[in-house]
Amino acid sequence: MNGVILPPERGFPFHLIAESKCGCKWIKWVNTVELSDDKHFLGYWEQRGFANTADRDESFFG
């Protein structure tokens, strides 16, 4: 991050950034990976009203 080793509070050892998506789609501190083919699945933020697509050029809330 800016030429410095990524600190733990920023997601060490890596932080996955989806540049075209809102920050709620960025990933820190991966513990597990769960795959689903259910197109209606709602993640943590989507259950709280955030848009599922989270495209930066769309409305922030679903």
C-alpha atoms as a PDB file:
ATOM      1  CA  MET A   1       0.000   0.000   0.000  1.00  0.00           C
ATOM      2  CA  ASN A   2       1.740   3.147  -1.230  1.00  0.00           C
ATOM      3  CA  GLY A   3       5.132   1.395  -1.100  1.00  0.00           C
ATOM      4  CA  VAL A   4       4.664   0.160   2.493  1.00  0.00           C
ATOM      5  CA  ILE A   5       3.847  -3.383   3.680  1.00  0.00           C
ATOM      6  CA  LEU A   6       0.097  -3.658   4.158  1.00  0.00           C
ATOM      7  CA  PRO A   7      -0.652  -3.291   7.911  1.00  0.00           C
ATOM      8  CA  PRO A   8      -3.072  -5.705   9.674  1.00  0.00           C
ATOM      9  CA  GLU A   9      -5.793  -3.028  10.033  1.00  0.00           C
ATOM     10  CA  ARG A  10      -5.803  -2.711   6.227  1.00  0.00           C
ATOM     11  CA  GLY A  11      -6.159  -6.459   5.615  1.00  0.00           C
ATOM     12  CA  PHE A  12      -2.601  -7.913   5.731  1.00  0.00           C
ATOM     13  CA  PRO A  13      -1.478 -10.032   3.918  1.00  0.00           C
ATOM     14  CA  PHE A  14      -3.693  -8.792   1.065  1.00  0.00           C
ATOM     15  CA  HIS A  15      -6.714  -6.609   0.362  1.00  0.00           C
ATOM     16  CA  LEU A  16      -8.797  -7.402  -2.725  1.00  0.00           C
ATOM     17  CA  ILE A  17     -10.037  -4.237  -4.410  1.00  0.00           C
ATOM     18  CA  ALA A  18     -12.841  -4.218  -6.967  1.00  0.00           C
ATOM     19  CA  GLU A  19     -12.141  -0.832  -8.568  1.00  0.00           C
ATOM     20  CA  SER A  20     -15.542  -0.429 -10.247  1.00  0.00           C
ATOM     21  CA  LYS A  21     -17.452  -1.392  -7.084  1.00  0.00           C
ATOM     22  CA  CYS A  22     -18.308   0.434  -3.851  1.00  0.00           C
ATOM     23  CA  GLY A  23     -16.068  -0.267  -0.864  1.00  0.00           C
ATOM     24  CA  CYS A  24     -18.569  -2.720   0.653  1.00  0.00           C
ATOM     25  CA  LYS A  25     -17.497  -5.172  -2.095  1.00  0.00           C
ATOM     26  CA  TRP A  26     -13.778  -4.898  -1.252  1.00  0.00           C
ATOM     27  CA  ILE A  27     -12.352  -7.791   0.763  1.00  0.00           C
ATOM     28  CA  LYS A  28     -10.176  -7.806   3.900  1.00  0.00           C
ATOM     29  CA  TRP A  29      -9.292 -10.581   6.366  1.00  0.00           C
ATOM     30  CA  VAL A  30     -10.450 -13.606   4.370  1.00  0.00           C
ATOM     31  CA  ASN A  31     -11.218 -16.527   6.721  1.00  0.00           C
ATOM     32  CA  THR A  32     -13.328 -18.739   4.477  1.00  0.00           C
ATOM     33  CA  VAL A  33     -14.674 -18.783   0.946  1.00  0.00           C
ATOM     34  CA  GLU A  34     -18.250 -19.869   0.274  1.00  0.00           C
ATOM     35  CA  LEU A  35     -19.473 -20.355  -3.290  1.00  0.00           C
ATOM     36  CA  SER A  36     -23.111 -20.265  -4.298  1.00  0.00           C
ATOM     37  CA  ASP A  37     -25.013 -20.496  -7.558  1.00  0.00           C
ATOM     38  CA  ASP A  38     -28.050 -18.881  -5.887  1.00  0.00           C
ATOM     39  CA  LYS A  39     -28.469 -15.560  -7.716  1.00  0.00           C
ATOM     40  CA  HIS A  40     -30.724 -14.345  -4.891  1.00  0.00           C
ATOM     41  CA  PHE A  41     -28.092 -14.883  -2.168  1.00  0.00           C
ATOM     42  CA  LEU A  42     -27.613 -11.781  -0.014  1.00  0.00           C
ATOM     43  CA  GLY A  43     -24.266 -11.164   1.627  1.00  0.00           C
ATOM     44  CA  TYR A  44     -23.603  -9.288   4.872  1.00  0.00           C
ATOM     45  CA  TRP A  45     -24.024  -5.779   3.424  1.00  0.00           C
ATOM     46  CA  GLU A  46     -26.816  -6.713   1.039  1.00  0.00           C
ATOM     47  CA  GLN A  47     -28.869  -8.024   3.991  1.00  0.00           C
ATOM     48  CA  ARG A  48     -28.542  -4.504   5.415  1.00  0.00           C
ATOM     49  CA  GLY A  49     -29.945  -2.772   2.336  1.00  0.00           C
ATOM     50  CA  PHE A  50     -26.894  -2.142   0.144  1.00  0.00           C
ATOM     51  CA  ALA A  51     -27.251  -2.818  -3.588  1.00  0.00           C
ATOM     52  CA  ASN A  52     -26.074  -6.294  -4.633  1.00  0.00           C
ATOM     53  CA  THR A  53     -24.240  -5.002  -7.711  1.00  0.00           C
ATOM     54  CA  ALA A  54     -22.559  -2.126  -5.795  1.00  0.00           C
ATOM     55  CA  ASP A  55     -21.551  -0.460  -9.051  1.00  0.00           C
ATOM     56  CA  ARG A  56     -20.180   3.005  -8.335  1.00  0.00           C
ATOM     57  CA  ASP A  57     -22.300   4.570 -11.084  1.00  0.00           C
ATOM     58  CA  GLU A  58     -25.580   3.256  -9.592  1.00  0.00           C
ATOM     59  CA  SER A  59     -27.558   4.030  -6.440  1.00  0.00           C
ATOM     60  CA  PHE A  60     -25.687   3.016  -3.290  1.00  0.00           C
ATOM     61  CA  PHE A  61     -28.721   1.359  -1.724  1.00  0.00           C
ATOM     62  CA  GLY A  62     -30.778  -1.387  -3.358  1.00  0.00           C
END
